[in-house]
Protein backbone atom coordinates (compact mmCIF):
# COMPACT_ATOMS: atom_id res chain seq x y z
CA MET A 1 -11.17 -51.89 -59.85
CA HIS A 2 -10.99 -54.97 -57.65
CA GLN A 3 -12.62 -57.03 -60.39
CA THR A 4 -9.87 -56.24 -62.91
CA LEU A 5 -7.03 -56.67 -60.41
CA PHE A 6 -7.46 -60.45 -60.42
CA ASP A 7 -8.54 -60.83 -64.05
CA VAL A 8 -6.74 -63.53 -66.09
CA LYS A 9 -9.17 -63.67 -69.02
CA GLY A 10 -7.37 -64.27 -72.31
CA LYS A 11 -4.00 -64.98 -70.69
CA ASN A 12 -2.14 -67.97 -72.12
CA ILE A 13 -1.07 -70.09 -69.15
CA CYS A 14 1.09 -73.22 -69.15
CA VAL A 15 0.62 -75.44 -66.09
CA THR A 16 3.03 -78.35 -65.66
CA GLY A 17 2.13 -81.32 -63.50
CA ALA A 18 -1.49 -80.74 -64.48
CA SER A 19 -2.61 -84.37 -64.63
CA SER A 20 -3.23 -84.53 -60.88
CA GLY A 21 -3.04 -82.75 -57.53
CA ILE A 22 -2.42 -79.04 -57.21
CA GLY A 23 -1.42 -78.66 -60.85
CA ARG A 24 -4.70 -80.12 -62.08
CA ALA A 25 -6.77 -78.12 -59.60
CA MET A 26 -5.08 -74.87 -60.60
CA ALA A 27 -5.41 -75.60 -64.32
CA THR A 28 -9.13 -76.17 -63.77
CA MET A 29 -9.53 -72.99 -61.71
CA LEU A 30 -7.66 -70.81 -64.21
CA SER A 31 -9.56 -72.15 -67.20
CA ALA A 32 -12.83 -71.45 -65.36
CA ALA A 33 -11.54 -67.90 -64.79
CA GLY A 34 -11.24 -67.38 -68.54
CA ALA A 35 -7.57 -68.13 -69.17
CA ASN A 36 -6.35 -70.19 -72.12
CA VAL A 37 -4.75 -73.09 -70.25
CA ILE A 38 -2.25 -75.54 -71.68
CA SER A 39 -1.89 -78.50 -69.32
CA VAL A 40 1.36 -80.44 -69.38
CA ALA A 41 2.19 -83.81 -67.81
CA ARG A 42 3.66 -87.19 -68.70
CA ARG A 43 0.39 -89.11 -68.73
CA GLN A 44 -1.56 -88.50 -71.93
CA SER A 45 -4.63 -90.39 -70.72
CA ALA A 46 -4.89 -88.32 -67.52
CA LEU A 47 -4.54 -85.10 -69.52
CA GLU A 48 -7.27 -86.19 -71.92
CA GLU A 49 -9.54 -87.04 -68.99
CA TRP A 50 -8.95 -83.57 -67.54
CA LYS A 51 -9.62 -81.84 -70.88
CA ASN A 52 -12.88 -83.75 -71.36
CA ALA A 53 -14.00 -82.77 -67.86
CA THR A 54 -13.45 -79.03 -68.35
CA LYS A 55 -15.95 -76.76 -70.07
CA ALA A 56 -13.52 -74.03 -71.15
CA GLU A 57 -11.18 -73.82 -74.13
CA THR A 58 -8.07 -75.77 -73.14
CA ALA A 59 -5.14 -77.63 -74.65
CA ILE A 60 -2.97 -80.51 -73.48
CA LEU A 61 0.59 -81.56 -74.23
CA ALA A 62 2.19 -84.75 -72.93
CA ALA A 63 5.90 -84.45 -72.19
CA ASP A 64 8.64 -85.87 -69.99
CA LEU A 65 10.12 -82.76 -68.40
CA SER A 66 13.01 -84.75 -66.94
CA ASP A 67 14.40 -84.84 -70.50
CA ILE A 68 16.09 -81.46 -70.11
CA PRO A 69 17.72 -81.26 -73.59
CA SER A 70 14.28 -81.57 -75.22
CA ILE A 71 12.79 -78.59 -73.36
CA PRO A 72 13.64 -75.84 -75.92
CA SER A 73 11.87 -77.71 -78.72
CA PHE A 74 9.01 -78.60 -76.39
CA ALA A 75 8.61 -74.91 -75.50
CA LEU A 76 7.97 -74.13 -79.17
CA GLU A 77 5.04 -76.54 -79.15
CA LEU A 78 3.44 -74.63 -76.28
CA ALA A 79 2.79 -71.62 -78.52
CA LYS A 80 0.80 -73.56 -81.11
CA PRO A 81 -2.65 -73.78 -79.45
CA PHE A 82 -3.15 -70.14 -78.37
CA GLY A 83 0.02 -68.18 -79.11
CA SER A 84 2.94 -67.23 -76.89
CA ILE A 85 2.81 -68.12 -73.20
CA ASP A 86 2.10 -65.28 -70.78
CA ILE A 87 2.27 -67.25 -67.53
CA LEU A 88 4.28 -70.33 -66.62
CA ILE A 89 3.27 -72.36 -63.56
CA ASN A 90 5.88 -74.98 -62.68
CA ALA A 91 3.76 -77.37 -60.59
CA ALA A 92 5.29 -80.69 -61.68
CA GLY A 93 7.10 -82.42 -58.83
CA LEU A 94 8.81 -85.64 -57.76
CA ASN A 95 9.53 -86.95 -54.26
CA THR A 96 11.32 -90.32 -54.02
CA ARG A 97 11.06 -90.31 -50.19
CA GLN A 98 14.42 -92.01 -49.70
CA HIS A 99 16.58 -91.80 -46.61
CA ALA A 100 19.99 -90.21 -47.19
CA ASP A 101 21.61 -93.66 -46.83
CA ASP A 102 19.46 -95.06 -49.64
CA VAL A 103 19.50 -92.27 -52.23
CA THR A 104 20.61 -93.47 -55.65
CA LEU A 105 22.23 -91.38 -58.34
CA GLU A 106 19.28 -92.01 -60.64
CA GLY A 107 16.75 -90.97 -57.98
CA TRP A 108 18.74 -87.86 -57.10
CA GLN A 109 19.12 -86.77 -60.72
CA ASN A 110 15.46 -87.40 -61.57
CA THR A 111 14.37 -85.35 -58.56
CA GLN A 112 16.61 -82.42 -59.44
CA ASN A 113 15.60 -82.58 -63.10
CA ILE A 114 11.84 -82.43 -62.44
CA ASN A 115 11.85 -80.10 -59.43
CA LEU A 116 14.68 -77.70 -60.21
CA ASN A 117 16.20 -78.06 -63.67
CA ALA A 118 12.99 -78.22 -65.72
CA PRO A 119 11.46 -75.09 -64.14
CA PHE A 120 14.55 -73.08 -65.02
CA PHE A 121 15.11 -74.29 -68.57
CA LEU A 122 11.41 -74.11 -69.44
CA ALA A 123 11.27 -70.54 -68.14
CA GLN A 124 14.47 -69.67 -70.00
CA SER A 125 12.90 -70.93 -73.24
CA LEU A 126 9.70 -68.92 -72.75
CA VAL A 127 11.22 -65.67 -71.47
CA PRO A 128 12.31 -64.24 -74.88
CA GLN A 129 8.69 -63.94 -76.03
CA MET A 130 7.62 -62.60 -72.63
CA LYS A 131 10.31 -59.93 -73.02
CA LYS A 132 8.91 -58.98 -76.43
CA ASN A 133 5.47 -58.64 -74.90
CA GLY A 134 6.86 -56.66 -71.96
CA TRP A 135 4.90 -58.81 -69.50
CA GLY A 136 5.10 -62.28 -68.00
CA ARG A 137 4.63 -64.36 -64.88
CA ILE A 138 6.69 -67.29 -63.62
CA ILE A 139 5.27 -69.19 -60.65
CA ASN A 140 7.42 -71.92 -59.16
CA PHE A 141 6.49 -74.42 -56.47
CA GLY A 142 8.59 -74.71 -53.37
CA SER A 143 7.70 -76.72 -50.29
CA LEU A 144 7.83 -76.80 -46.53
CA GLN A 145 11.14 -78.51 -47.26
CA SER A 146 12.46 -75.34 -48.85
CA ARG A 147 13.07 -74.33 -45.22
CA ARG A 148 12.58 -77.48 -43.12
CA ALA A 149 14.44 -80.82 -43.11
CA PHE A 150 12.13 -83.85 -43.20
CA GLU A 151 13.04 -87.49 -42.73
CA ASN A 152 13.49 -89.32 -46.05
CA GLY A 153 13.46 -86.02 -47.91
CA ILE A 154 17.08 -85.10 -48.65
CA ALA A 155 16.83 -85.16 -52.46
CA TYR A 156 13.44 -83.45 -52.47
CA GLY A 157 14.48 -80.92 -49.85
CA ALA A 158 17.66 -80.04 -51.74
CA SER A 159 15.65 -79.42 -54.91
CA LYS A 160 13.01 -77.32 -53.16
CA GLY A 161 15.61 -75.29 -51.29
CA GLY A 162 17.07 -74.64 -54.72
CA VAL A 163 13.68 -73.52 -56.02
CA GLU A 164 13.56 -70.71 -53.47
CA GLN A 165 16.92 -69.33 -54.58
CA LEU A 166 16.11 -70.01 -58.24
CA THR A 167 13.01 -67.84 -57.85
CA ARG A 168 15.02 -64.95 -56.41
CA ALA A 169 17.58 -65.26 -59.22
CA MET A 170 14.87 -65.35 -61.88
CA ALA A 171 13.38 -62.18 -60.41
CA GLU A 172 16.76 -60.46 -60.50
CA ALA A 173 17.36 -61.53 -64.09
CA TRP A 174 13.98 -60.79 -65.65
CA SER A 175 11.79 -58.47 -63.56
CA LYS A 176 13.25 -55.38 -65.27
CA ASP A 177 11.68 -56.74 -68.47
CA GLY A 178 8.21 -56.89 -66.95
CA ILE A 179 8.44 -60.57 -65.94
CA THR A 180 7.87 -61.35 -62.28
CA ALA A 181 9.01 -64.60 -60.65
CA ASN A 182 7.54 -65.89 -57.42
CA ALA A 183 7.03 -69.22 -55.70
CA LEU A 184 4.32 -70.87 -53.66
CA ALA A 185 5.21 -73.29 -50.87
CA PRO A 186 2.23 -75.49 -49.99
CA GLY A 187 1.77 -77.14 -46.64
CA PHE A 188 0.14 -80.57 -46.54
CA PHE A 189 -2.46 -80.91 -49.31
CA PRO A 190 -4.00 -84.24 -50.39
CA THR A 191 -2.30 -85.13 -53.69
CA GLU A 192 -0.66 -88.15 -55.31
CA LEU A 193 2.67 -86.86 -54.03
CA THR A 194 1.45 -86.77 -50.42
CA ALA A 195 -0.57 -90.00 -50.56
CA PRO A 196 1.82 -91.75 -48.12
CA VAL A 197 1.19 -88.95 -45.61
CA PHE A 198 -2.61 -88.84 -45.93
CA GLY A 199 -2.75 -92.64 -45.99
CA ASN A 200 -1.63 -92.51 -42.35
CA SER A 201 -4.45 -90.81 -40.43
CA GLU A 202 -2.30 -90.32 -37.33
CA LEU A 203 0.42 -88.58 -39.32
CA ALA A 204 -2.09 -86.46 -41.25
CA ASP A 205 -3.68 -85.34 -37.98
CA LYS A 206 -0.28 -84.59 -36.46
CA ASN A 207 0.54 -82.36 -39.43
CA ALA A 208 -2.81 -80.60 -39.12
CA GLN A 209 -2.15 -79.85 -35.46
CA GLN A 210 1.26 -78.40 -36.37
CA THR A 211 -0.49 -75.59 -38.28
CA CYS A 212 -1.80 -72.43 -36.64
CA ILE A 213 -5.20 -72.97 -38.26
CA GLY A 214 -5.54 -76.58 -37.12
CA ARG A 215 -6.19 -78.37 -40.40
CA ASN A 216 -4.46 -79.50 -43.56
CA GLY A 217 -4.95 -77.70 -46.86
CA THR A 218 -7.64 -78.07 -49.50
CA MET A 219 -7.36 -77.18 -53.18
CA GLU A 220 -9.59 -74.16 -52.60
CA ASP A 221 -6.92 -72.77 -50.27
CA MET A 222 -4.42 -72.63 -53.15
CA ALA A 223 -6.71 -70.95 -55.69
CA GLY A 224 -6.50 -67.41 -54.30
CA PRO A 225 -2.70 -67.25 -54.00
CA VAL A 226 -2.28 -68.64 -57.54
CA LEU A 227 -4.78 -66.17 -58.99
CA PHE A 228 -3.03 -63.34 -57.13
CA LEU A 229 0.39 -64.20 -58.58
CA CYS A 230 -1.05 -64.63 -62.09
CA SER A 231 -2.80 -61.28 -62.15
CA LYS A 232 -2.23 -57.53 -62.09
CA ALA A 233 -2.77 -57.63 -58.32
CA SER A 234 0.82 -58.86 -57.90
CA ASP A 235 2.51 -56.37 -60.27
CA TYR A 236 4.95 -55.18 -57.58
CA VAL A 237 5.67 -58.61 -56.08
CA THR A 238 8.68 -60.54 -57.33
CA GLY A 239 11.38 -62.82 -55.98
CA GLN A 240 9.16 -63.99 -53.13
CA MET A 241 8.09 -67.35 -51.73
CA LEU A 242 4.61 -67.42 -50.21
CA PHE A 243 3.96 -70.26 -47.75
CA VAL A 244 0.39 -71.50 -48.13
CA ASP A 245 0.62 -73.79 -45.13
CA GLY A 246 -1.94 -72.69 -42.54
CA GLY A 247 0.90 -71.37 -40.42
CA PHE A 248 2.90 -74.63 -40.31
CA THR A 249 6.19 -72.76 -40.68
CA ALA A 250 5.13 -70.08 -38.19
CA LYS A 251 5.36 -72.53 -35.28
């Protein structure tokens, strides 16, 4: 039974932000697990490089998710490679790292569009088919800043705080139709988004010591939680945010 609990073979999974970082790592892991993965990001060349590096059947689709009005038509394209989407993983993210005094309207709006608006409107566009199928998964990405205030993180923190409540609201709206909505909140993982943090060895070590485990995250640490939320193992879990942070928020 335990083997089928975490089975994602044949599931059609859309992963946004899949050209790098956690999104790419999870797209790779899920395709290796037998899922039909459609990787989405802005950079066509990075997506092509990822597709060529994977052995499984995959598809790629370049898109600018900050263009919110285009999302409904973009969602239709997602069904072309394998059929309707079963699982949506909203891993795309933007962090301008601006102090509150320096935040611009453009930076604020871009951050909210990528981190908060796109996950909702993409899910909204995919939910009707999930309802027809009577089954679906929505996995959002929060952050330590969903709960904590960081310097130079006001726009990002506001968006990720919103993601936590968005996830609860999605669960309330759609779980009765067989569609669960949950979020993962990573601690410090080495990605393009956190390059300024890991580029400072003192800061990276300080963050590691803030965890209960005593180290920063690796991509392998995220694989299990993602697989859990994608699979039958999480059938009775919805509206939750799971912190994958080594105990950073426990201290």
